[in-house]
N, C-alpha and C. Protein backbone atom coordinates (compact mmCIF):
# COMPACT_ATOMS: atom_id res chain seq x y z
N MET A 1 5.03 18.01 18.13
CA MET A 1 4.01 16.99 17.99
C MET A 1 3.64 16.85 16.52
N ILE A 2 3.46 15.61 16.08
CA ILE A 2 3.11 15.38 14.67
C ILE A 2 1.62 15.13 14.55
N GLN A 3 1.13 15.40 13.34
CA GLN A 3 -0.28 15.15 13.04
C GLN A 3 -0.39 14.68 11.60
N LEU A 4 -1.51 14.06 11.28
CA LEU A 4 -1.77 13.58 9.93
C LEU A 4 -2.16 14.73 9.02
N CYS A 5 -1.84 14.56 7.73
CA CYS A 5 -2.29 15.52 6.73
C CYS A 5 -2.37 14.80 5.39
N PRO A 6 -3.21 15.29 4.48
CA PRO A 6 -3.28 14.68 3.16
C PRO A 6 -2.05 15.04 2.34
N ILE A 7 -1.77 14.20 1.36
CA ILE A 7 -0.67 14.44 0.44
C ILE A 7 -1.00 13.74 -0.86
N ASP A 8 -0.60 14.29 -1.99
CA ASP A 8 -0.85 13.61 -3.26
C ASP A 8 0.32 12.70 -3.60
N LEU A 9 0.11 11.85 -4.60
CA LEU A 9 1.11 10.85 -4.96
C LEU A 9 2.42 11.49 -5.41
N GLU A 10 2.33 12.55 -6.18
CA GLU A 10 3.56 13.19 -6.68
C GLU A 10 4.44 13.66 -5.52
N ALA A 11 3.85 14.34 -4.56
CA ALA A 11 4.62 14.83 -3.41
C ALA A 11 5.12 13.68 -2.54
N ALA A 12 4.29 12.65 -2.34
CA ALA A 12 4.70 11.48 -1.56
C ALA A 12 5.88 10.78 -2.23
N ASN A 13 5.83 10.65 -3.55
CA ASN A 13 6.92 10.01 -4.28
C ASN A 13 8.22 10.82 -4.20
N ILE A 14 8.12 12.13 -4.19
CA ILE A 14 9.32 12.97 -4.03
C ILE A 14 9.95 12.69 -2.67
N PHE A 15 9.13 12.57 -1.63
CA PHE A 15 9.63 12.25 -0.29
C PHE A 15 10.28 10.87 -0.29
N VAL A 16 9.61 9.87 -0.89
CA VAL A 16 10.16 8.51 -0.96
C VAL A 16 11.49 8.50 -1.71
N LYS A 17 11.54 9.19 -2.83
CA LYS A 17 12.77 9.22 -3.64
C LYS A 17 13.94 9.81 -2.86
N SER A 18 13.66 10.78 -2.02
CA SER A 18 14.74 11.43 -1.29
C SER A 18 15.17 10.70 -0.03
N LEU A 19 14.26 9.92 0.58
CA LEU A 19 14.60 9.34 1.89
C LEU A 19 14.48 7.83 2.03
N HIS A 20 13.78 7.14 1.13
CA HIS A 20 13.59 5.69 1.34
C HIS A 20 14.90 4.95 1.13
N ARG A 21 15.17 4.00 2.03
CA ARG A 21 16.45 3.29 2.01
C ARG A 21 16.61 2.31 0.85
N HIS A 22 15.51 1.68 0.40
CA HIS A 22 15.69 0.60 -0.56
C HIS A 22 14.61 0.49 -1.63
N HIS A 23 13.68 1.43 -1.71
CA HIS A 23 12.66 1.36 -2.75
C HIS A 23 12.54 2.68 -3.49
N ASN A 24 12.11 2.57 -4.74
CA ASN A 24 11.86 3.73 -5.59
C ASN A 24 10.41 4.18 -5.42
N PRO A 25 10.07 5.34 -5.96
CA PRO A 25 8.67 5.78 -5.96
C PRO A 25 7.77 4.76 -6.68
N VAL A 26 6.47 4.86 -6.43
CA VAL A 26 5.50 3.94 -7.03
C VAL A 26 4.77 4.63 -8.19
N PRO A 27 4.29 3.85 -9.16
CA PRO A 27 3.62 4.46 -10.32
C PRO A 27 2.17 4.88 -10.06
N GLY A 28 1.53 4.33 -9.06
CA GLY A 28 0.13 4.67 -8.81
C GLY A 28 -0.27 4.27 -7.40
N CYS A 29 -1.48 4.67 -7.01
CA CYS A 29 -1.94 4.36 -5.66
C CYS A 29 -3.44 4.50 -5.57
N ARG A 30 -4.00 4.07 -4.46
CA ARG A 30 -5.40 4.33 -4.11
C ARG A 30 -5.50 5.60 -3.28
N PHE A 31 -4.55 5.77 -2.31
CA PHE A 31 -4.50 7.00 -1.53
C PHE A 31 -3.14 7.12 -0.85
N CYS A 32 -2.83 8.34 -0.40
CA CYS A 32 -1.60 8.63 0.33
C CYS A 32 -1.97 9.42 1.58
N VAL A 33 -1.11 9.35 2.58
CA VAL A 33 -1.28 10.13 3.80
C VAL A 33 0.12 10.52 4.28
N ALA A 34 0.20 11.64 5.00
CA ALA A 34 1.49 12.11 5.49
C ALA A 34 1.37 12.48 6.96
N VAL A 35 2.53 12.59 7.62
CA VAL A 35 2.60 13.19 8.96
C VAL A 35 3.45 14.44 8.84
N THR A 36 3.05 15.45 9.60
CA THR A 36 3.74 16.73 9.59
C THR A 36 3.92 17.23 11.01
N ASP A 37 4.94 18.03 11.21
CA ASP A 37 5.13 18.71 12.49
C ASP A 37 4.59 20.14 12.42
N GLY A 38 3.87 20.47 11.36
CA GLY A 38 3.34 21.80 11.17
C GLY A 38 4.25 22.70 10.36
N VAL A 39 5.48 22.26 10.17
CA VAL A 39 6.46 23.02 9.41
C VAL A 39 6.84 22.27 8.13
N ALA A 40 7.05 20.96 8.26
CA ALA A 40 7.49 20.15 7.13
C ALA A 40 6.84 18.78 7.19
N ILE A 41 6.82 18.11 6.05
CA ILE A 41 6.39 16.71 5.99
C ILE A 41 7.48 15.87 6.64
N ARG A 42 7.10 15.01 7.57
CA ARG A 42 8.06 14.18 8.29
C ARG A 42 7.97 12.71 7.90
N GLY A 43 6.88 12.33 7.19
CA GLY A 43 6.73 10.95 6.76
C GLY A 43 5.53 10.81 5.84
N VAL A 44 5.55 9.75 5.02
CA VAL A 44 4.46 9.49 4.08
C VAL A 44 4.15 7.99 4.03
N ALA A 45 2.93 7.68 3.65
CA ALA A 45 2.53 6.31 3.34
C ALA A 45 1.77 6.34 2.03
N ILE A 46 2.06 5.35 1.19
CA ILE A 46 1.39 5.22 -0.11
C ILE A 46 0.71 3.86 -0.13
N VAL A 47 -0.59 3.87 -0.40
CA VAL A 47 -1.41 2.66 -0.32
C VAL A 47 -2.03 2.38 -1.68
N GLY A 48 -1.94 1.12 -2.13
CA GLY A 48 -2.48 0.76 -3.44
C GLY A 48 -2.95 -0.68 -3.48
N ARG A 49 -3.17 -1.15 -4.69
CA ARG A 49 -3.56 -2.54 -4.88
C ARG A 49 -2.41 -3.44 -4.48
N PRO A 50 -2.71 -4.65 -4.01
CA PRO A 50 -1.63 -5.59 -3.68
C PRO A 50 -0.76 -5.88 -4.90
N VAL A 51 0.54 -5.91 -4.68
CA VAL A 51 1.47 -6.21 -5.77
C VAL A 51 1.27 -7.64 -6.26
N SER A 52 1.02 -8.56 -5.34
CA SER A 52 0.77 -9.95 -5.72
C SER A 52 -0.62 -10.08 -6.34
N ARG A 53 -0.68 -10.58 -7.55
CA ARG A 53 -1.99 -10.74 -8.20
C ARG A 53 -2.86 -11.75 -7.48
N PHE A 54 -2.25 -12.64 -6.71
CA PHE A 54 -3.01 -13.64 -5.97
C PHE A 54 -3.74 -13.02 -4.77
N LEU A 55 -3.29 -11.88 -4.31
CA LEU A 55 -3.92 -11.21 -3.17
C LEU A 55 -4.84 -10.07 -3.61
N ASP A 56 -4.84 -9.75 -4.90
CA ASP A 56 -5.64 -8.64 -5.43
C ASP A 56 -7.06 -9.12 -5.68
N ASP A 57 -7.84 -9.23 -4.60
CA ASP A 57 -9.20 -9.76 -4.66
C ASP A 57 -10.28 -8.68 -4.61
N GLY A 58 -9.86 -7.40 -4.64
CA GLY A 58 -10.81 -6.31 -4.55
C GLY A 58 -11.21 -5.96 -3.13
N LYS A 59 -10.80 -6.79 -2.17
CA LYS A 59 -11.15 -6.58 -0.76
C LYS A 59 -9.91 -6.31 0.09
N THR A 60 -8.74 -6.49 -0.51
CA THR A 60 -7.46 -6.33 0.18
C THR A 60 -6.72 -5.15 -0.43
N ILE A 61 -6.07 -4.38 0.41
CA ILE A 61 -5.28 -3.23 -0.04
C ILE A 61 -3.90 -3.34 0.61
N GLU A 62 -2.88 -2.78 -0.03
CA GLU A 62 -1.51 -2.92 0.45
C GLU A 62 -0.86 -1.57 0.70
N VAL A 63 -0.21 -1.44 1.84
CA VAL A 63 0.65 -0.28 2.07
C VAL A 63 1.93 -0.56 1.30
N ASN A 64 2.10 0.12 0.17
CA ASN A 64 3.24 -0.12 -0.70
C ASN A 64 4.52 0.58 -0.25
N ARG A 65 4.38 1.74 0.39
CA ARG A 65 5.54 2.47 0.89
C ARG A 65 5.18 3.18 2.19
N VAL A 66 6.09 3.10 3.15
CA VAL A 66 6.08 3.96 4.33
C VAL A 66 7.49 4.50 4.45
N CYS A 67 7.60 5.81 4.61
CA CYS A 67 8.91 6.44 4.67
C CYS A 67 8.83 7.64 5.60
N THR A 68 9.74 7.70 6.56
CA THR A 68 9.80 8.86 7.45
C THR A 68 11.24 9.35 7.52
N ASP A 69 11.40 10.52 8.10
CA ASP A 69 12.75 11.03 8.35
C ASP A 69 13.25 10.61 9.72
N GLY A 70 12.55 9.65 10.35
CA GLY A 70 12.94 9.16 11.67
C GLY A 70 12.14 9.78 12.79
N VAL A 71 11.14 10.58 12.47
CA VAL A 71 10.32 11.22 13.49
C VAL A 71 9.69 10.16 14.40
N ARG A 72 9.72 10.42 15.69
CA ARG A 72 9.21 9.48 16.68
C ARG A 72 7.73 9.18 16.44
N ASN A 73 7.38 7.90 16.41
CA ASN A 73 6.01 7.38 16.23
C ASN A 73 5.40 7.68 14.86
N GLY A 74 6.20 8.17 13.94
CA GLY A 74 5.69 8.49 12.61
C GLY A 74 5.16 7.28 11.86
N CYS A 75 5.92 6.20 11.86
CA CYS A 75 5.48 5.00 11.14
C CYS A 75 4.21 4.43 11.75
N SER A 76 4.15 4.35 13.07
CA SER A 76 2.95 3.82 13.72
C SER A 76 1.72 4.66 13.39
N MET A 77 1.90 5.98 13.40
CA MET A 77 0.78 6.87 13.09
C MET A 77 0.33 6.67 11.64
N LEU A 78 1.28 6.50 10.73
CA LEU A 78 0.94 6.29 9.33
C LEU A 78 0.23 4.95 9.11
N TYR A 79 0.76 3.88 9.70
CA TYR A 79 0.11 2.57 9.54
C TYR A 79 -1.31 2.59 10.11
N GLY A 80 -1.48 3.21 11.26
CA GLY A 80 -2.82 3.30 11.86
C GLY A 80 -3.77 4.08 10.97
N ALA A 81 -3.30 5.21 10.43
CA ALA A 81 -4.15 6.03 9.55
C ALA A 81 -4.52 5.28 8.28
N CYS A 82 -3.57 4.55 7.72
CA CYS A 82 -3.85 3.77 6.50
C CYS A 82 -4.93 2.73 6.77
N ALA A 83 -4.83 2.05 7.90
CA ALA A 83 -5.82 1.02 8.24
C ALA A 83 -7.20 1.64 8.44
N ARG A 84 -7.27 2.76 9.15
CA ARG A 84 -8.57 3.41 9.38
C ARG A 84 -9.19 3.89 8.07
N ALA A 85 -8.37 4.46 7.19
CA ALA A 85 -8.89 4.94 5.90
C ALA A 85 -9.36 3.77 5.04
N ALA A 86 -8.58 2.69 5.01
CA ALA A 86 -8.96 1.52 4.21
C ALA A 86 -10.26 0.91 4.73
N LYS A 87 -10.42 0.86 6.05
CA LYS A 87 -11.66 0.34 6.63
C LYS A 87 -12.83 1.23 6.24
N ALA A 88 -12.63 2.55 6.32
CA ALA A 88 -13.70 3.48 5.94
C ALA A 88 -14.08 3.34 4.47
N MET A 89 -13.15 2.92 3.64
CA MET A 89 -13.41 2.73 2.22
C MET A 89 -14.03 1.37 1.93
N GLY A 90 -14.16 0.51 2.95
CA GLY A 90 -14.83 -0.77 2.78
C GLY A 90 -13.92 -1.96 2.56
N TYR A 91 -12.61 -1.78 2.64
CA TYR A 91 -11.70 -2.92 2.49
C TYR A 91 -11.79 -3.81 3.72
N SER A 92 -11.57 -5.11 3.54
CA SER A 92 -11.66 -6.03 4.67
C SER A 92 -10.30 -6.42 5.22
N LYS A 93 -9.22 -6.14 4.47
CA LYS A 93 -7.88 -6.52 4.93
C LYS A 93 -6.87 -5.55 4.36
N ILE A 94 -5.86 -5.22 5.16
CA ILE A 94 -4.75 -4.40 4.71
C ILE A 94 -3.46 -5.17 4.99
N ILE A 95 -2.53 -5.11 4.05
CA ILE A 95 -1.27 -5.84 4.18
C ILE A 95 -0.09 -4.92 3.88
N THR A 96 1.08 -5.34 4.31
CA THR A 96 2.33 -4.69 3.94
C THR A 96 3.46 -5.70 4.14
N TYR A 97 4.63 -5.34 3.69
CA TYR A 97 5.80 -6.22 3.79
C TYR A 97 6.96 -5.46 4.42
N THR A 98 7.77 -6.18 5.21
CA THR A 98 9.01 -5.61 5.75
C THR A 98 10.15 -6.57 5.46
N LEU A 99 11.35 -6.03 5.44
CA LEU A 99 12.54 -6.86 5.29
C LEU A 99 12.86 -7.53 6.62
N PRO A 100 13.58 -8.66 6.58
CA PRO A 100 13.90 -9.36 7.84
C PRO A 100 14.64 -8.48 8.85
N GLU A 101 15.45 -7.55 8.38
CA GLU A 101 16.21 -6.71 9.32
C GLU A 101 15.38 -5.55 9.90
N GLU A 102 14.16 -5.39 9.41
CA GLU A 102 13.26 -4.38 9.97
C GLU A 102 12.41 -5.04 11.05
N GLY A 103 12.39 -4.48 12.22
CA GLY A 103 11.78 -5.14 13.38
C GLY A 103 10.27 -5.29 13.35
N GLY A 104 9.55 -4.35 12.75
CA GLY A 104 8.10 -4.43 12.73
C GLY A 104 7.43 -3.85 13.97
N SER A 105 8.18 -3.11 14.80
CA SER A 105 7.58 -2.59 16.04
C SER A 105 6.45 -1.61 15.76
N SER A 106 6.56 -0.82 14.69
CA SER A 106 5.48 0.12 14.35
C SER A 106 4.22 -0.62 13.94
N LEU A 107 4.39 -1.74 13.26
CA LEU A 107 3.23 -2.54 12.85
C LEU A 107 2.58 -3.20 14.06
N ARG A 108 3.38 -3.79 14.92
CA ARG A 108 2.83 -4.40 16.15
C ARG A 108 2.11 -3.35 16.99
N ALA A 109 2.70 -2.15 17.08
CA ALA A 109 2.08 -1.07 17.87
C ALA A 109 0.74 -0.65 17.28
N SER A 110 0.57 -0.87 15.97
CA SER A 110 -0.68 -0.49 15.29
C SER A 110 -1.66 -1.66 15.22
N GLY A 111 -1.32 -2.80 15.83
CA GLY A 111 -2.24 -3.93 15.90
C GLY A 111 -2.12 -4.94 14.77
N TRP A 112 -1.10 -4.82 13.92
CA TRP A 112 -0.93 -5.73 12.80
C TRP A 112 -0.34 -7.05 13.28
N THR A 113 -0.52 -8.11 12.48
CA THR A 113 -0.02 -9.45 12.78
C THR A 113 0.91 -9.90 11.67
N CYS A 114 2.03 -10.51 12.07
CA CYS A 114 2.97 -11.05 11.08
C CYS A 114 2.44 -12.40 10.60
N GLU A 115 2.29 -12.55 9.28
CA GLU A 115 1.81 -13.80 8.69
C GLU A 115 2.94 -14.75 8.33
N GLY A 116 4.19 -14.31 8.42
CA GLY A 116 5.34 -15.15 8.09
C GLY A 116 6.12 -14.58 6.92
N GLN A 117 7.10 -15.37 6.45
CA GLN A 117 7.95 -14.93 5.34
C GLN A 117 7.35 -15.34 4.00
N PHE A 118 7.43 -14.42 3.05
CA PHE A 118 6.88 -14.65 1.71
C PHE A 118 7.76 -13.99 0.66
N GLY A 119 7.55 -14.41 -0.57
CA GLY A 119 8.12 -13.73 -1.72
C GLY A 119 9.62 -13.79 -1.80
N GLY A 120 10.16 -12.70 -2.30
CA GLY A 120 11.59 -12.62 -2.55
C GLY A 120 11.89 -13.06 -3.97
N GLY A 121 13.10 -12.81 -4.40
CA GLY A 121 13.52 -13.18 -5.74
C GLY A 121 13.28 -12.07 -6.74
N ALA A 122 13.68 -12.33 -7.96
CA ALA A 122 13.60 -11.35 -9.03
C ALA A 122 12.29 -11.48 -9.80
N TRP A 123 11.88 -10.39 -10.43
CA TRP A 123 10.69 -10.40 -11.28
C TRP A 123 11.05 -10.86 -12.69
N THR A 124 12.32 -11.04 -12.96
CA THR A 124 12.77 -11.47 -14.28
C THR A 124 12.28 -12.89 -14.57
N ASN A 125 11.89 -13.12 -15.82
CA ASN A 125 11.52 -14.47 -16.23
C ASN A 125 12.07 -14.72 -17.64
N ASN A 126 11.77 -15.88 -18.20
CA ASN A 126 12.31 -16.24 -19.52
C ASN A 126 11.81 -15.33 -20.62
N VAL A 127 10.63 -14.76 -20.46
CA VAL A 127 10.02 -13.93 -21.50
C VAL A 127 10.48 -12.48 -21.40
N ARG A 128 10.63 -11.99 -20.19
CA ARG A 128 10.95 -10.58 -20.01
C ARG A 128 11.97 -10.41 -18.89
N SER A 129 13.06 -9.74 -19.18
CA SER A 129 14.04 -9.45 -18.13
C SER A 129 13.74 -8.08 -17.55
N ARG A 130 14.03 -7.93 -16.27
CA ARG A 130 13.78 -6.67 -15.59
C ARG A 130 15.00 -6.28 -14.77
N ASN A 131 15.12 -5.00 -14.55
CA ASN A 131 16.17 -4.49 -13.69
C ASN A 131 15.59 -4.35 -12.28
N ASP A 132 15.88 -5.33 -11.44
CA ASP A 132 15.34 -5.33 -10.08
C ASP A 132 16.26 -4.52 -9.17
N SER A 133 15.80 -3.34 -8.76
CA SER A 133 16.61 -2.51 -7.87
C SER A 133 16.18 -2.65 -6.42
N HIS A 134 15.15 -3.43 -6.16
CA HIS A 134 14.68 -3.64 -4.80
C HIS A 134 15.36 -4.85 -4.16
N PRO A 135 15.33 -4.97 -2.84
CA PRO A 135 15.92 -6.15 -2.19
C PRO A 135 15.21 -7.43 -2.64
N LEU A 136 15.99 -8.47 -2.93
CA LEU A 136 15.44 -9.71 -3.48
C LEU A 136 15.25 -10.80 -2.43
N THR A 137 15.47 -10.48 -1.16
CA THR A 137 15.31 -11.47 -0.09
C THR A 137 13.83 -11.67 0.21
N GLU A 138 13.51 -12.76 0.93
CA GLU A 138 12.14 -12.96 1.38
C GLU A 138 11.76 -11.82 2.33
N LYS A 139 10.49 -11.51 2.37
CA LYS A 139 9.99 -10.44 3.22
C LYS A 139 8.95 -10.99 4.19
N TYR A 140 8.74 -10.28 5.28
CA TYR A 140 7.68 -10.63 6.20
C TYR A 140 6.41 -9.92 5.76
N ARG A 141 5.31 -10.69 5.67
CA ARG A 141 4.03 -10.08 5.34
C ARG A 141 3.26 -9.86 6.64
N TRP A 142 2.76 -8.64 6.78
CA TRP A 142 1.96 -8.24 7.93
C TRP A 142 0.55 -7.94 7.46
N SER A 143 -0.43 -8.19 8.31
CA SER A 143 -1.82 -7.92 7.92
C SER A 143 -2.63 -7.44 9.11
N LEU A 144 -3.75 -6.83 8.76
CA LEU A 144 -4.71 -6.39 9.76
C LEU A 144 -6.10 -6.59 9.17
N ALA A 145 -6.92 -7.37 9.87
CA ALA A 145 -8.31 -7.55 9.43
C ALA A 145 -9.08 -6.28 9.78
N LEU A 146 -9.81 -5.76 8.81
CA LEU A 146 -10.50 -4.48 8.98
C LEU A 146 -11.98 -4.62 9.24
N GLU A 147 -12.54 -5.79 8.98
CA GLU A 147 -13.97 -6.01 9.15
C GLU A 147 -14.79 -4.98 8.40
N GLY A 148 -14.26 -4.58 7.25
CA GLY A 148 -14.99 -3.64 6.40
C GLY A 148 -16.12 -4.34 5.66
N ASN A 149 -16.94 -3.58 5.01
CA ASN A 149 -18.07 -4.12 4.24
C ASN A 149 -17.62 -4.36 2.81
N ALA A 150 -16.76 -5.36 2.62
CA ALA A 150 -16.21 -5.62 1.30
C ALA A 150 -16.88 -6.80 0.61
N SER A 151 -18.12 -7.09 0.99
CA SER A 151 -18.81 -8.20 0.34
C SER A 151 -19.17 -7.84 -1.10
N PHE A 152 -19.30 -6.55 -1.39
CA PHE A 152 -19.57 -6.10 -2.75
C PHE A 152 -18.26 -5.98 -3.49
N ASP A 153 -18.17 -6.56 -4.66
CA ASP A 153 -16.95 -6.52 -5.46
C ASP A 153 -17.13 -5.50 -6.58
N TYR A 154 -16.44 -4.37 -6.49
CA TYR A 154 -16.57 -3.31 -7.48
C TYR A 154 -16.18 -3.77 -8.88
N ARG A 155 -15.38 -4.83 -8.96
CA ARG A 155 -14.93 -5.28 -10.29
C ARG A 155 -16.10 -5.82 -11.11
N THR A 156 -17.10 -6.42 -10.45
CA THR A 156 -18.26 -6.90 -11.20
C THR A 156 -19.07 -5.72 -11.73
N LEU A 157 -19.13 -4.64 -10.96
CA LEU A 157 -19.82 -3.43 -11.42
C LEU A 157 -19.13 -2.85 -12.65
N LYS A 158 -17.81 -2.82 -12.63
CA LYS A 158 -17.07 -2.32 -13.79
C LYS A 158 -17.35 -3.18 -15.02
N GLU A 159 -17.37 -4.49 -14.84
CA GLU A 159 -17.62 -5.40 -15.96
C GLU A 159 -19.05 -5.24 -16.48
N ASP A 160 -20.02 -5.11 -15.54
CA ASP A 160 -21.42 -4.90 -15.95
C ASP A 160 -21.57 -3.59 -16.73
N ALA A 161 -20.93 -2.53 -16.25
CA ALA A 161 -21.01 -1.23 -16.92
C ALA A 161 -20.39 -1.31 -18.31
N LYS A 162 -19.29 -2.03 -18.42
CA LYS A 162 -18.63 -2.18 -19.72
C LYS A 162 -19.56 -2.92 -20.68
N ASN A 163 -20.19 -3.98 -20.21
CA ASN A 163 -21.10 -4.75 -21.07
C ASN A 163 -22.32 -3.92 -21.48
N GLU A 164 -22.86 -3.12 -20.54
CA GLU A 164 -24.01 -2.26 -20.87
C GLU A 164 -23.62 -1.22 -21.91
N THR A 165 -22.44 -0.65 -21.76
CA THR A 165 -21.96 0.34 -22.73
C THR A 165 -21.79 -0.28 -24.10
N LEU A 166 -21.24 -1.47 -24.13
CA LEU A 166 -21.08 -2.17 -25.42
C LEU A 166 -22.43 -2.46 -26.05
N ALA A 167 -23.42 -2.85 -25.21
CA ALA A 167 -24.76 -3.15 -25.74
C ALA A 167 -25.40 -1.88 -26.29
N LEU A 168 -25.17 -0.75 -25.64
CA LEU A 168 -25.75 0.52 -26.13
C LEU A 168 -25.22 0.88 -27.51
N PHE A 169 -23.95 0.61 -27.76
CA PHE A 169 -23.34 1.01 -29.01
C PHE A 169 -23.34 -0.08 -30.07
N SER A 170 -23.77 -1.26 -29.71
CA SER A 170 -23.74 -2.36 -30.68
C SER A 170 -24.83 -2.19 -31.74
N GLY A 171 -25.91 -1.45 -31.40
CA GLY A 171 -26.98 -1.26 -32.36
C GLY A 171 -26.78 -0.06 -33.26
N VAL A 172 -25.71 0.67 -33.07
CA VAL A 172 -25.48 1.91 -33.84
C VAL A 172 -24.97 1.59 -35.22
């Protein structure tokens, strides 16, 4: 039987690097969670800010990586745990993406809804070229409304604190 356990980003990224089929480790996150059978880590989820700047509204969070060794119900358990943690943190929506060849059964089992196909393509542009090692096809975006208390935007607090700090030192 598997159960949830905490994991840090470094350990989660090691798991992703060794087992994920098509993505590399991530540079940062808001939180990570793992499933274990009591002997070894059997799967991980890494949750962070939405990759799309258009969705990064301070109220939405994205499951950036889910990776298991194939343990039964591991993905569903991870997606459910990510949603519960995000709701407890006050987020109002959680999203993730799957490739067209991935069925999404774990997401449906966790109550998520498919919003349709989005994205795809390279991050390269005229100003900066990039080495895109991820799949460049369109992906399915899945979401779950969390009904969290995300009416407060922490970004305004950060801006206010920055302005207050500048005002404190401007008279020095």
